[in-house]
Protein backbone atom coordinates (compact mmCIF):
# COMPACT_ATOMS: atom_id res chain seq x y z
CA MET A 1 -1.13 -5.36 -17.53
CA ASN A 2 -4.58 -4.35 -18.74
CA SER A 3 -5.72 -0.75 -18.71
CA ILE A 4 -6.84 0.29 -15.23
CA PRO A 5 -7.19 3.62 -13.49
CA ILE A 6 -4.21 4.63 -11.36
CA PHE A 7 -5.80 4.68 -7.94
CA CYS A 8 -6.40 2.35 -5.01
CA THR A 9 -9.62 2.16 -3.02
CA LYS A 10 -9.52 1.69 0.74
CA ILE A 11 -12.88 -0.07 1.11
CA LYS A 12 -12.48 -3.45 -0.57
CA ASP A 13 -14.91 -5.74 1.29
CA GLN A 14 -17.72 -5.81 3.83
CA LYS A 15 -15.35 -5.83 6.82
CA HIS A 16 -13.72 -2.58 5.76
CA LEU A 17 -17.07 -1.04 4.85
CA VAL A 18 -18.32 -1.71 8.38
CA TYR A 19 -15.12 -0.24 9.88
CA TYR A 20 -15.36 2.98 7.91
CA SER A 21 -19.10 3.22 8.57
CA LEU A 22 -18.36 3.15 12.31
CA ILE A 23 -15.84 5.96 11.89
CA VAL A 24 -18.40 8.02 9.97
CA LEU A 25 -21.06 7.41 12.63
CA PHE A 26 -18.65 8.34 15.43
CA SER A 27 -17.55 11.48 13.60
CA PHE A 28 -21.07 12.74 13.08
CA THR A 29 -22.12 11.87 16.62
CA CYS A 30 -19.23 13.92 18.01
CA GLY A 31 -20.08 16.91 15.85
CA THR A 32 -17.05 16.64 13.58
CA SER A 33 -18.90 16.06 10.34
CA ASN A 34 -17.55 19.26 8.80
CA SER A 35 -14.01 17.88 8.93
CA LEU A 36 -14.87 14.25 8.25
CA PHE A 37 -13.04 14.11 4.94
CA ALA A 38 -10.26 16.45 5.95
CA GLN A 39 -8.36 14.30 8.42
CA PRO A 40 -5.11 13.40 6.68
CA GLY A 41 -2.53 11.02 8.04
CA CYS A 42 -1.01 7.58 7.65
CA THR A 43 -3.78 5.03 7.04
CA ASP A 44 -1.67 1.85 6.83
CA PRO A 45 -1.67 -0.22 10.07
CA GLN A 46 1.69 -1.73 9.14
CA ALA A 47 3.44 1.64 9.28
CA PHE A 48 5.25 3.05 12.30
CA ASN A 49 3.08 6.15 12.27
CA PHE A 50 -0.35 4.60 11.58
CA ASN A 51 -3.14 6.96 12.62
CA ALA A 52 -6.44 5.14 13.19
CA ALA A 53 -8.30 8.46 13.08
CA ALA A 54 -7.00 9.41 9.63
CA LEU A 55 -9.51 9.12 6.81
CA THR A 56 -7.28 10.48 4.05
CA ASN A 57 -3.88 9.03 3.22
CA ASP A 58 -1.42 11.90 3.02
CA GLY A 59 1.53 9.76 1.91
CA SER A 60 3.36 10.13 5.22
CA CYS A 61 3.54 6.42 6.16
CA VAL A 62 6.98 5.24 7.30
CA TYR A 63 7.75 1.52 7.39
CA PRO A 64 10.22 -0.75 9.17
CA PHE A 65 13.21 -2.19 7.40
CA THR A 66 11.85 -5.16 5.43
CA GLU A 67 13.71 -7.96 3.63
CA PHE A 68 12.42 -10.71 1.36
CA ASP A 69 14.23 -13.62 -0.26
CA LEU A 70 12.91 -14.20 -3.79
CA PRO A 71 12.14 -17.91 -4.31
CA VAL A 72 13.75 -19.31 -7.47
CA LEU A 73 11.34 -20.96 -9.88
CA THR A 74 13.77 -22.02 -12.60
CA ASN A 75 16.80 -21.11 -14.68
CA LEU A 76 15.96 -19.54 -18.03
CA SER A 77 16.90 -20.90 -21.45
CA ILE A 78 20.36 -20.04 -22.79
CA LEU A 79 18.53 -17.90 -25.38
CA LEU A 80 17.41 -15.61 -22.55
CA ILE A 81 20.63 -14.84 -20.69
CA GLU A 82 19.79 -11.12 -21.05
CA SER A 83 16.08 -11.26 -20.20
CA SER A 84 15.23 -7.62 -19.50
CA GLY A 85 11.43 -7.45 -19.50
CA LEU A 86 8.41 -9.61 -18.63
CA GLU A 87 4.73 -9.54 -19.54
CA TRP A 88 1.78 -11.83 -18.74
CA ILE A 89 -0.54 -11.93 -21.75
CA ASN A 90 -3.56 -14.22 -22.03
CA GLU A 91 -2.19 -16.47 -19.26
CA ASN A 92 1.16 -16.79 -21.04
CA LEU A 93 4.56 -15.42 -19.99
CA TYR A 94 6.66 -13.45 -22.48
CA THR A 95 10.14 -11.96 -22.31
CA HIS A 96 12.76 -10.35 -24.55
CA ILE A 97 16.49 -9.72 -24.44
CA ASP A 98 18.08 -6.27 -24.42
CA ASP A 99 19.97 -6.48 -27.71
CA GLY A 100 20.07 -8.78 -30.71
CA PRO A 101 17.26 -10.01 -32.97
CA PRO A 102 13.93 -8.15 -32.53
CA ARG A 103 12.12 -11.13 -31.01
CA LEU A 104 9.62 -11.83 -28.28
CA TYR A 105 9.88 -15.17 -26.49
CA LYS A 106 7.04 -17.15 -24.97
CA ILE A 107 8.42 -19.14 -22.05
CA ASP A 108 7.32 -21.89 -19.69
CA PRO A 109 7.42 -20.43 -16.14
CA LYS A 110 7.98 -23.90 -14.67
CA THR A 111 11.00 -24.89 -16.75
CA GLY A 112 12.29 -21.66 -18.31
CA THR A 113 12.23 -23.20 -21.78
CA VAL A 114 11.17 -21.28 -24.88
CA LEU A 115 7.73 -22.33 -26.15
CA GLY A 116 7.52 -19.94 -29.09
CA ILE A 117 9.14 -16.98 -30.83
CA VAL A 118 7.49 -13.96 -32.42
CA THR A 119 9.70 -11.79 -34.65
CA LEU A 120 8.88 -8.09 -34.90
CA ILE A 121 8.86 -6.89 -38.52
CA GLY A 122 8.08 -3.66 -40.34
CA GLY A 123 11.13 -1.67 -39.27
CA ALA A 124 11.79 -2.97 -35.76
CA ASP A 125 15.32 -3.07 -34.42
CA ASN A 126 16.69 -4.09 -31.03
CA ILE A 127 19.24 -1.54 -29.91
CA ASP A 128 18.47 -1.77 -26.19
CA TRP A 129 15.06 -3.24 -25.36
CA GLU A 130 14.36 -2.75 -21.65
CA ASP A 131 10.70 -3.37 -20.83
CA ILE A 132 7.40 -4.64 -22.20
CA THR A 133 3.77 -3.92 -21.35
CA GLU A 134 0.28 -4.41 -22.79
CA SER A 135 -3.07 -2.72 -23.24
CA GLU A 136 -6.33 -4.48 -24.07
CA THR A 137 -5.43 -4.43 -27.76
CA HIS A 138 -1.67 -3.97 -28.14
CA VAL A 139 1.76 -5.02 -26.90
CA TYR A 140 4.44 -2.36 -26.34
CA ILE A 141 8.22 -2.89 -26.20
CA GLY A 142 10.50 -0.08 -25.07
CA ASP A 143 13.74 0.40 -27.00
CA PHE A 144 14.89 3.15 -24.66
CA GLY A 145 17.94 1.80 -22.82
CA ASN A 146 20.37 4.72 -22.76
CA ASN A 147 23.43 3.97 -20.62
CA SER A 148 25.51 6.59 -22.42
CA GLY A 149 22.85 9.30 -22.27
CA ASN A 150 23.35 10.34 -25.90
CA ARG A 151 20.59 8.45 -27.73
CA THR A 152 18.38 10.50 -30.02
CA ASP A 153 16.50 7.50 -31.41
CA LEU A 154 14.37 6.40 -28.44
CA LYS A 155 11.43 4.26 -29.53
CA ILE A 156 8.55 2.18 -28.29
CA TYR A 157 7.30 -0.48 -30.68
CA ARG A 158 3.68 -1.54 -30.58
CA PHE A 159 1.83 -4.33 -32.36
CA ASP A 160 -1.59 -5.94 -32.28
CA LYS A 161 -1.99 -8.69 -29.67
CA SER A 162 -3.52 -10.96 -32.28
CA ASP A 163 -0.05 -11.19 -33.87
CA LEU A 164 1.08 -13.31 -30.93
CA SER A 165 -0.73 -16.26 -32.46
CA GLY A 166 1.70 -16.27 -35.39
CA SER A 167 5.45 -16.06 -35.92
CA ASN A 168 5.63 -12.40 -37.00
CA ALA A 169 4.28 -9.15 -35.56
CA VAL A 170 4.01 -5.98 -37.66
CA VAL A 171 5.04 -2.95 -35.61
CA GLU A 172 4.05 0.67 -35.39
CA VAL A 173 6.49 3.12 -33.81
CA ILE A 174 6.30 5.72 -31.07
CA GLU A 175 9.37 7.98 -31.34
CA PHE A 176 10.05 10.20 -28.37
CA SER A 177 12.51 12.47 -26.60
CA TYR A 178 12.69 13.84 -23.05
CA ALA A 179 11.47 17.41 -22.73
CA ASP A 180 13.98 18.12 -19.95
CA GLN A 181 17.05 16.79 -21.81
CA THR A 182 19.07 19.49 -23.54
CA GLU A 183 22.53 17.88 -23.67
CA PHE A 184 23.41 14.66 -25.47
CA ASP A 185 27.08 14.19 -24.64
CA HIS A 186 28.40 10.68 -24.07
CA ASN A 187 28.36 10.21 -20.29
CA ASN A 188 28.37 6.50 -19.68
CA ASN A 189 26.45 5.72 -16.45
CA ALA A 190 26.76 9.38 -15.40
CA HIS A 191 23.48 11.08 -16.32
CA ASN A 192 19.74 11.05 -15.54
CA PHE A 193 18.22 10.06 -18.90
CA ASP A 194 18.42 6.28 -18.91
CA CYS A 195 15.20 4.26 -18.75
CA GLU A 196 14.41 0.58 -18.16
CA ALA A 197 10.89 0.64 -16.71
CA MET A 198 7.43 1.05 -18.25
CA PHE A 199 3.79 0.07 -17.81
CA PHE A 200 0.45 0.89 -19.46
CA ALA A 201 -2.46 2.45 -17.51
CA ASP A 202 -5.19 5.03 -18.11
CA ASP A 203 -4.73 4.78 -21.92
CA SER A 204 -1.12 5.99 -21.55
CA LEU A 205 2.41 4.67 -21.26
CA HIS A 206 4.20 5.44 -17.99
CA LEU A 207 8.01 5.50 -18.03
CA PHE A 208 10.36 5.67 -15.05
CA SER A 209 13.90 6.91 -15.49
CA LYS A 210 17.05 5.24 -14.19
CA ASN A 211 18.96 8.20 -12.76
CA TRP A 212 22.65 7.34 -12.52
CA LEU A 213 23.60 10.66 -10.96
CA ASP A 214 21.12 11.20 -8.14
CA GLY A 215 19.33 7.87 -7.59
CA GLN A 216 15.91 9.42 -8.22
CA THR A 217 13.35 8.37 -10.81
CA LYS A 218 11.33 10.66 -13.04
CA HIS A 219 7.82 9.64 -14.04
CA TYR A 220 7.09 10.43 -17.69
CA VAL A 221 3.76 9.90 -19.48
CA LEU A 222 3.35 9.28 -23.21
CA SER A 223 0.41 8.71 -25.48
CA ALA A 224 0.08 5.06 -26.52
CA GLU A 225 -0.53 6.13 -30.13
CA PRO A 226 2.21 5.97 -32.81
CA GLY A 227 3.96 9.18 -33.81
CA VAL A 228 6.64 11.59 -32.62
CA GLN A 229 6.24 12.73 -29.03
CA GLU A 230 7.97 14.69 -26.28
CA ALA A 231 7.89 13.13 -22.80
CA GLU A 232 7.18 15.61 -20.02
CA VAL A 233 8.21 14.96 -16.41
CA LYS A 234 5.06 14.42 -14.39
CA GLU A 235 6.63 13.86 -10.96
CA VAL A 236 9.91 12.85 -9.33
CA PHE A 237 10.59 10.33 -6.57
CA ASN A 238 13.77 9.59 -4.63
CA ALA A 239 14.14 5.86 -5.33
CA VAL A 240 17.54 5.81 -3.56
CA GLY A 241 18.83 3.60 -6.35
CA LEU A 242 18.53 2.64 -10.01
CA VAL A 243 15.05 1.65 -11.20
CA THR A 244 15.27 -1.28 -13.66
CA ALA A 245 11.65 -2.49 -14.04
CA ALA A 246 8.06 -1.49 -13.33
CA ASP A 247 4.57 -2.91 -13.44
CA ILE A 248 1.08 -2.19 -12.12
CA GLY A 249 -1.29 -4.75 -10.63
CA GLU A 250 -5.03 -5.05 -11.03
CA GLU A 251 -5.73 -3.06 -7.85
CA GLY A 252 -3.35 -0.26 -8.76
CA VAL A 253 -0.35 -1.51 -6.77
CA ILE A 254 2.80 -0.34 -8.57
CA SER A 255 6.16 -2.04 -8.30
CA LEU A 256 9.44 -0.29 -9.07
CA LEU A 257 12.24 -2.84 -9.09
CA GLY A 258 15.88 -1.81 -8.90
CA ARG A 259 19.28 -1.88 -7.26
CA THR A 260 21.57 0.50 -5.43
CA GLU A 261 25.00 1.41 -6.79
CA SER A 262 26.50 -1.12 -4.38
CA GLY A 263 24.29 -3.86 -5.81
CA THR A 264 21.61 -4.15 -3.12
CA LEU A 265 18.31 -5.18 -4.72
CA PHE A 266 15.03 -3.51 -3.79
CA CYS A 267 11.38 -3.20 -4.76
CA TRP A 268 9.34 -0.08 -4.08
CA LEU A 269 5.61 -0.74 -3.63
CA LEU A 270 3.35 2.24 -4.34
CA TYR A 271 -0.32 1.96 -3.34
CA ASP A 272 -3.33 3.77 -1.90
CA TYR A 273 -2.47 6.95 -3.78
CA PRO A 274 -4.78 9.66 -5.17
CA ALA A 275 -5.64 9.63 -8.86
CA GLY A 276 -2.90 11.20 -10.93
CA ASP A 277 -0.30 11.21 -8.13
CA ILE A 278 1.33 7.78 -7.82
CA PHE A 279 3.99 9.07 -5.42
CA GLY A 280 1.36 10.68 -3.18
CA GLY A 281 0.33 7.53 -1.29
CA ASN A 282 2.12 4.69 0.48
CA LYS A 283 5.72 4.09 -0.56
CA ARG A 284 7.14 0.91 0.97
CA ARG A 285 10.63 -0.35 0.17
CA ILE A 286 11.29 -4.10 0.25
CA PHE A 287 14.94 -5.16 0.18
CA LEU A 288 15.56 -8.37 -1.77
CA LYS A 289 18.06 -10.55 0.05
CA GLY A 290 21.04 -12.33 -1.48
CA GLU A 291 22.03 -10.05 -4.35
CA GLU A 292 25.22 -12.07 -4.80
CA ASP A 293 23.23 -15.04 -6.14
CA LYS A 294 20.30 -13.26 -7.79
CA GLY A 295 21.98 -12.10 -11.01
CA GLN A 296 20.90 -8.73 -12.41
CA ILE A 297 17.19 -8.22 -11.71
CA GLU A 298 15.58 -6.67 -14.81
CA GLY A 299 11.90 -7.62 -15.21
CA ILE A 300 8.68 -7.86 -13.19
CA VAL A 301 5.07 -8.58 -14.11
CA PHE A 302 1.95 -9.03 -11.97
CA THR A 303 -0.22 -12.04 -12.76
CA GLY A 304 -3.14 -11.47 -10.35
CA ASP A 305 -3.89 -11.45 -6.61
CA GLY A 306 -0.68 -9.53 -5.92
CA LYS A 307 1.47 -12.31 -7.37
CA ALA A 308 4.28 -11.59 -9.79
CA PHE A 309 7.14 -13.08 -11.75
CA VAL A 310 10.61 -11.52 -11.61
CA SER A 311 13.42 -12.23 -14.09
CA SER A 312 17.15 -11.67 -13.98
CA GLU A 313 19.96 -11.50 -16.50
CA GLN A 314 23.02 -13.69 -16.26
CA LYS A 315 25.71 -11.99 -14.17
CA ASP A 316 28.97 -12.98 -12.48
CA GLY A 317 28.41 -16.67 -13.09
CA VAL A 318 24.80 -16.63 -11.87
CA PRO A 319 22.50 -17.87 -14.67
CA ALA A 320 19.45 -15.97 -15.89
CA ARG A 321 16.55 -16.99 -13.70
CA LEU A 322 12.84 -16.65 -13.05
CA TYR A 323 11.59 -15.88 -9.53
CA GLU A 324 8.21 -15.46 -7.90
CA PHE A 325 7.05 -12.55 -5.77
CA SER A 326 3.90 -11.54 -3.88
CA THR A 327 2.90 -8.15 -2.50
CA ALA A 328 -0.08 -9.41 -0.47
CA ASP A 329 1.74 -9.41 2.88
CA TRP A 330 2.49 -5.70 2.59
CA THR A 331 -0.25 -4.05 0.55
CA GLY A 332 -3.34 -5.81 1.91
CA ILE A 333 -5.64 -3.51 3.88
CA SER A 334 -5.96 -4.73 7.47
CA VAL A 335 -7.51 -1.72 9.21
CA GLY A 336 -8.14 -2.23 12.90
CA ILE A 337 -5.87 -5.28 13.28
CA LYS A 338 -3.42 -4.49 16.07
CA ASP A 339 0.20 -5.58 16.00
CA PRO A 340 0.24 -8.47 18.51
CA PHE A 341 3.74 -7.53 19.62
CA LEU A 342 2.98 -3.89 20.38
CA GLN A 343 3.07 -3.25 24.12
CA GLU A 344 0.22 -1.21 25.61
CA ALA A 345 2.28 0.25 28.47
CA ALA A 346 5.45 2.20 27.71
CA LEU A 347 8.59 0.10 28.00
CA PHE A 348 10.98 3.03 27.81
CA SER A 349 11.14 6.79 27.91
CA ILE A 350 13.30 9.03 25.75
CA SER A 351 14.72 12.50 26.35
CA PRO A 352 15.19 15.08 25.13
CA ASN A 353 12.82 15.09 22.18
CA PRO A 354 13.67 16.91 19.94
CA PHE A 355 17.39 16.26 20.48
CA VAL A 356 20.63 17.60 19.03
CA ASP A 357 23.52 15.15 19.46
CA HIS A 358 22.67 12.80 22.34
CA LEU A 359 19.58 10.84 23.26
CA THR A 360 18.93 9.23 26.65
CA ILE A 361 16.76 6.12 26.90
CA ASN A 362 15.49 4.88 30.26
CA TRP A 363 14.44 1.25 30.00
CA LYS A 364 12.11 -0.64 32.36
CA GLY A 365 13.34 -4.10 31.49
CA GLU A 366 16.18 -4.53 34.00
CA GLY A 367 17.95 -7.87 33.80
CA SER A 368 16.68 -8.73 30.32
CA THR A 369 18.32 -8.06 27.00
CA SER A 370 16.62 -5.26 25.11
CA TRP A 371 17.14 -4.42 21.48
CA LEU A 372 16.96 -1.01 19.81
CA ARG A 373 16.73 0.03 16.19
CA ILE A 374 16.48 3.55 14.80
CA TYR A 375 14.95 4.05 11.35
CA ASP A 376 15.09 7.15 9.16
CA ALA A 377 12.09 8.56 7.27
CA LEU A 378 12.67 6.08 4.41
CA GLY A 379 12.55 3.10 6.75
CA ARG A 380 16.29 2.45 6.61
CA VAL A 381 18.09 1.23 9.73
CA VAL A 382 20.59 3.90 10.80
CA PHE A 383 21.43 2.58 14.27
CA GLU A 384 20.96 -0.64 16.22
CA GLN A 385 22.16 -1.96 19.56
CA GLU A 386 21.52 -4.65 22.19
CA SER A 387 21.99 -4.13 25.92
CA LYS A 388 20.90 -5.14 29.44
CA GLU A 389 21.44 -1.62 30.77
CA VAL A 390 18.47 0.32 32.15
CA SER A 391 19.75 3.70 30.97
CA TRP A 392 21.41 4.31 27.63
CA ASP A 393 23.18 7.47 26.52
CA LEU A 394 23.33 7.37 22.72
CA SER A 395 25.70 9.57 20.74
CA LEU A 396 23.94 10.31 17.44
CA VAL A 397 26.14 13.16 16.26
CA ASP A 398 26.53 11.70 12.75
CA LEU A 399 22.81 11.48 12.04
CA PRO A 400 21.50 14.33 9.86
CA GLY A 401 18.61 16.38 11.17
CA GLY A 402 15.13 15.02 10.57
CA LEU A 403 12.42 12.64 11.72
CA TYR A 404 13.36 9.20 13.07
CA PHE A 405 11.55 6.21 14.56
CA LEU A 406 12.87 4.30 17.58
CA GLU A 407 11.84 0.66 17.93
CA MET A 408 12.59 -1.08 21.23
CA ARG A 409 12.02 -4.82 21.69
CA GLN A 410 12.22 -7.18 24.62
CA GLY A 411 10.95 -10.73 24.15
CA THR A 412 7.58 -10.53 22.43
CA PHE A 413 6.95 -6.88 23.29
CA ARG A 414 7.94 -3.77 21.40
CA GLN A 415 7.40 -0.02 21.50
CA ILE A 416 7.81 2.55 18.74
CA GLU A 417 8.34 6.27 19.26
CA LYS A 418 8.98 9.23 16.97
CA VAL A 419 11.94 11.52 17.66
CA LEU A 420 13.12 14.63 15.93
CA LYS A 421 16.77 15.64 15.56
CA HIS A 422 17.62 19.32 15.10
C-alpha cells in the first residue's frame, strides 16, 4: 500500500468528536483535568474489558473467539498455483509465485485469469519470493523465504512503478541479513529466521518473521533504499502460529495472516496503536473457517475501506484461489454503542475470585438452558458448557494461572466477568 504513518486516530468523524468532547468537558468539570490524558485502558467497545472512561489505549483489550468464512471469488490461473503475494497497484491486482521465472502477474480478480506479465531483469532471480508491497514510486518483492534457515542471500528487489506499463522491469537490490541470527545450520522448519510477510510504511520496509520454533513473529525494519543492510529486531509478538502474509490499510490497520502448526487459519488485526509500536494497541485474532478447503493462505492486500483480497496456493487437491475479506466489522470505532445482548442486571455470581482449582457459579436462570464459555487472555475458548443447573462447580485444575473472561448466555442476554486463577 502507499506510504502512510503507522498510527490510528480515534476521532474519525463528527460523532466521535462530540463523544470525546463530552468526556473532556466532564473531566474538567469534575476537577480531573490533570489526569485527563493519563487514563489508560481498553478503548474498544467490542472487547470484553472495554473501559468507557479510558482515554488512552494501553493495548489490554481482550476479544471473544471470532470466526469468519472467507468468500471465494474465483480460482486462479494454472500459472499461479503457488501464488504467494498480492499487491493492489493503480487499481490493478498483481501476484507472483514463490519459485520459478522472476515474473509479476497482473490478474483479473473476477476470473483469476492472467491479464499481463512483467519480467524482472537486471539480475533478478526467484529463489523463494514470498511477498510484495509498494511505495508511491516503487514496487518491492521479497526473496526471503527461508524454510531451512541457512540462507545467506536474502534479497528484496525493487523497481520503478512506471515499469509496470511494459513487459520488463529493471531491478535494484536490497541485500540483508538478520542481526540476531548467528547460526546458519540447515534446520528445515525448525528455526526462527523464516519470513513470508512484508509491507511498506513510513518510508521503510517492515518484515515479520515466520517462527517455526516458538510461534512468535519478530518485526524487523529495513531502509527501502538499495544496498547491503542488517535487519534489527524492533519488537516481538506472540502470533501463536506461523505468519505467512502482511499488509497495512489506509487507516493504519495491519493484517498478519497465518496458520497454526495444525493448519488452523487466522488473521491478526492490529489497530489503534501508538506511533512506532504496532503491537502496543488492539490485537484481535480472527479465525478463518474451513481450512480443509482453503488451500494454503499466502497473500493479502488491502484495497480501501477495510476491504482486502486474500490468495492461496494449491494444496491437497484444493486449487489456488482468490478470496475477499473485510475488517470493517471489527476495526470500526463505535464508541458509546452498547452491546444489545449485554444484560444490565447480573445473571450469575462467581466465587471465589481469584480461584485456585475450582470455581462456583450461581445462576439465576432456573429452568432455562444457560451456556458458559471461558476465554483466555488471547481470546481463545478454553472451556465451554451448557446446563439447566442453578449452581455449577467447575473443576479448572488444568488451566494455567492467569486472567480469564467468563461469558454466560441465556436467550438474548449475556454477562461477562473477569476472573483470576492463581
